[in-house]
Amino acid sequence: MRAQLRYFFTSRAFREYWSATRTKRLVAIADNGPEAAFFRLAEEVYREPIS
């Protein structure tokens, strides 16, 4: 999953989308549901330096 997210985040459009929808993600999901776990993982990958 991390590798696929890293690939997605190489796209400028996807990175912009992820950044633009951050607030809505935080409001729309339960803190401990499966979506929250996925979003936490994706956010970790998003914050990694792009190589």
Protein backbone atom coordinates (compact mmCIF):
# COMPACT_ATOMS: atom_id res chain seq x y z
CA MET A 1 0.00 0.00 0.00
CA ARG A 2 2.82 2.40 0.86
CA ALA A 3 4.47 1.81 -2.50
CA GLN A 4 1.24 2.51 -4.35
CA LEU A 5 0.63 5.67 -2.35
CA ARG A 6 4.17 6.82 -3.06
CA TYR A 7 3.46 6.36 -6.76
CA PHE A 8 0.19 8.32 -6.50
CA PHE A 9 1.93 11.14 -4.66
CA THR A 10 4.46 11.58 -7.46
CA SER A 11 1.58 13.19 -9.35
CA ARG A 12 1.35 16.92 -8.74
CA ALA A 13 -2.41 16.81 -9.34
CA PHE A 14 -2.88 14.07 -6.75
CA ARG A 15 -0.74 15.91 -4.21
CA GLU A 16 -2.78 19.08 -4.76
CA TYR A 17 -6.01 17.10 -4.38
CA TRP A 18 -4.77 15.48 -1.17
CA SER A 19 -3.81 18.84 0.26
CA ALA A 20 -7.07 20.52 -0.79
CA THR A 21 -9.27 17.82 0.75
CA ARG A 22 -7.46 17.50 4.09
CA THR A 23 -10.06 19.41 6.13
CA LYS A 24 -12.97 17.50 4.64
CA ARG A 25 -11.27 14.17 5.38
CA LEU A 26 -10.79 15.14 9.02
CA VAL A 27 -14.45 16.06 9.40
CA ALA A 28 -15.94 13.17 7.45
CA ILE A 29 -14.36 10.14 9.13
CA ALA A 30 -14.45 8.45 12.51
CA ASP A 31 -11.18 8.70 14.43
CA ASN A 32 -10.72 4.95 14.70
CA GLY A 33 -12.47 3.57 11.63
CA PRO A 34 -10.84 1.85 8.66
CA GLU A 35 -10.90 5.04 6.62
CA ALA A 36 -9.02 6.87 9.37
CA ALA A 37 -6.30 4.21 9.38
CA PHE A 38 -5.92 4.50 5.62
CA PHE A 39 -5.85 8.30 5.72
CA ARG A 40 -3.19 8.25 8.46
CA LEU A 41 -1.04 5.95 6.35
CA ALA A 42 -1.55 8.09 3.25
CA GLU A 43 -0.70 11.24 5.20
CA GLU A 44 2.55 9.64 6.41
CA VAL A 45 3.51 8.85 2.84
CA TYR A 46 2.42 12.31 1.63
CA ARG A 47 4.80 13.91 4.13
CA GLU A 48 7.79 11.83 3.02
CA PRO A 49 10.37 13.70 0.95
CA ILE A 50 9.86 13.20 -2.76
CA SER A 51 12.82 11.46 -4.33
